[in-house]
Amino acid sequence: FDQQPVEAWSSIAAYWAAYRATKDQVWVERMERAFQWFLGENQIGAVLYDENTGGCRDGLHFDRVNQNQGAESTLSFLSSLTEWQQINKRQTNQEATIVHIL
């Protein structure tokens, strides 16, 4: 059952690539769902990102969070955040362009 941040990140990276290739909004929705996993939208409702340390916990067991905050987990969160910010920026710029054209 163990779930690790690198798995969420790999999903986000795949969805980001799919969106860039197709421009289909379904991939943005899936990216958001995968990103929210870090913030408590997971099977046990636990937040993995730690605002105080800037780190990310190492994963979920079926009944608890692994409290370690290793480099791989933190890099997985930060990479996911970067990709999430890129998609949000891209969509905001597209909306601004559309409004400007109108």
Protein backbone atom coordinates (compact mmCIF):
# COMPACT_ATOMS: atom_id res chain seq x y z
CA PHE A 1 0.00 0.00 0.00
CA ASP A 2 2.83 2.44 0.64
CA GLN A 3 2.51 5.54 -1.54
CA GLN A 4 5.46 7.82 -2.17
CA PRO A 5 5.77 11.40 -3.39
CA VAL A 6 7.82 10.31 -6.40
CA GLU A 7 4.75 8.45 -7.66
CA ALA A 8 2.59 11.57 -7.47
CA TRP A 9 5.31 13.58 -9.19
CA SER A 10 5.67 11.06 -12.01
CA SER A 11 1.92 11.23 -12.58
CA ILE A 12 2.03 15.03 -12.64
CA ALA A 13 4.94 15.00 -15.09
CA ALA A 14 3.09 12.59 -17.38
CA TYR A 15 -0.12 14.65 -17.24
CA TRP A 16 1.85 17.84 -17.94
CA ALA A 17 3.43 16.21 -21.02
CA ALA A 18 0.02 14.97 -22.17
CA TYR A 19 -1.46 18.44 -21.78
CA ARG A 20 1.37 20.08 -23.73
CA ALA A 21 0.87 17.55 -26.53
CA THR A 22 -2.93 17.68 -26.70
CA LYS A 23 -4.11 20.87 -24.94
CA ASP A 24 -6.89 18.71 -23.50
CA GLN A 25 -8.13 20.08 -20.15
CA VAL A 26 -8.63 16.57 -18.76
CA TRP A 27 -4.86 16.45 -18.17
CA VAL A 28 -4.96 19.67 -16.16
CA GLU A 29 -7.71 18.22 -13.99
CA ARG A 30 -5.67 15.07 -13.41
CA MET A 31 -2.60 17.16 -12.60
CA GLU A 32 -4.54 19.05 -9.98
CA ARG A 33 -5.88 15.87 -8.44
CA ALA A 34 -2.39 14.37 -8.27
CA PHE A 35 -0.92 17.56 -6.81
CA GLN A 36 -3.61 17.71 -4.14
CA TRP A 37 -2.36 14.31 -2.94
CA PHE A 38 0.53 16.18 -1.28
CA LEU A 39 -1.92 18.53 0.44
CA GLY A 40 -4.18 15.94 2.04
CA GLU A 41 -6.42 14.71 -0.75
CA ASN A 42 -5.29 11.12 -0.30
CA GLN A 43 -6.62 7.90 1.21
CA ILE A 44 -5.88 8.88 4.80
CA GLY A 45 -6.38 12.65 4.53
CA ALA A 46 -2.81 13.45 5.57
CA VAL A 47 -0.82 16.47 4.42
CA LEU A 48 2.68 15.49 3.31
CA TYR A 49 4.10 18.95 2.63
CA ASP A 50 5.44 20.63 5.77
CA GLU A 51 5.13 24.42 5.63
CA ASN A 52 7.48 24.86 8.59
CA THR A 53 10.43 23.00 7.10
CA GLY A 54 9.66 23.29 3.39
CA GLY A 55 10.12 19.53 3.21
CA CYS A 56 7.85 16.72 2.19
CA ARG A 57 7.21 13.60 4.22
CA ASP A 58 8.40 10.36 2.70
CA GLY A 59 5.04 8.75 2.04
CA LEU A 60 1.88 7.15 3.25
CA HIS A 61 1.36 3.83 4.92
CA PHE A 62 -2.17 2.48 5.04
CA ASP A 63 -2.69 3.98 8.50
CA ARG A 64 -0.10 6.75 8.96
CA VAL A 65 2.40 9.12 7.38
CA ASN A 66 6.09 8.32 7.23
CA GLN A 67 7.42 11.36 9.11
CA ASN A 68 10.86 11.34 7.46
CA GLN A 69 11.50 14.20 5.05
CA GLY A 70 14.09 12.94 2.64
CA ALA A 71 15.58 14.72 -0.34
CA GLU A 72 13.77 12.55 -2.89
CA SER A 73 10.38 13.35 -1.38
CA THR A 74 11.09 17.05 -1.06
CA LEU A 75 12.38 17.23 -4.64
CA SER A 76 9.29 15.35 -5.81
CA PHE A 77 7.06 17.92 -4.14
CA LEU A 78 9.06 20.90 -5.44
CA SER A 79 9.13 19.49 -8.97
CA SER A 80 5.38 18.89 -8.80
CA LEU A 81 4.83 22.42 -7.54
CA THR A 82 6.94 23.86 -10.36
CA GLU A 83 4.99 21.98 -13.00
CA TRP A 84 1.69 22.95 -11.38
CA GLN A 85 2.74 26.60 -11.40
CA GLN A 86 3.73 26.35 -15.07
CA ILE A 87 0.31 25.06 -16.08
CA ASN A 88 -1.42 27.74 -14.03
CA LYS A 89 0.76 30.46 -15.56
CA ARG A 90 0.16 29.12 -19.06
CA GLN A 91 -3.60 29.06 -18.56
CA THR A 92 -3.63 32.54 -17.02
CA ASN A 93 -1.64 33.90 -19.97
CA GLN A 94 -4.00 32.22 -22.45
CA GLU A 95 -7.03 33.69 -20.71
CA ALA A 96 -5.42 37.14 -20.67
CA THR A 97 -4.66 36.85 -24.39
CA ILE A 98 -8.22 35.81 -25.14
CA VAL A 99 -9.62 38.71 -23.11
CA HIS A 100 -7.22 41.14 -24.79
CA ILE A 101 -8.25 39.92 -28.24
CA LEU A 102 -11.93 40.36 -27.39
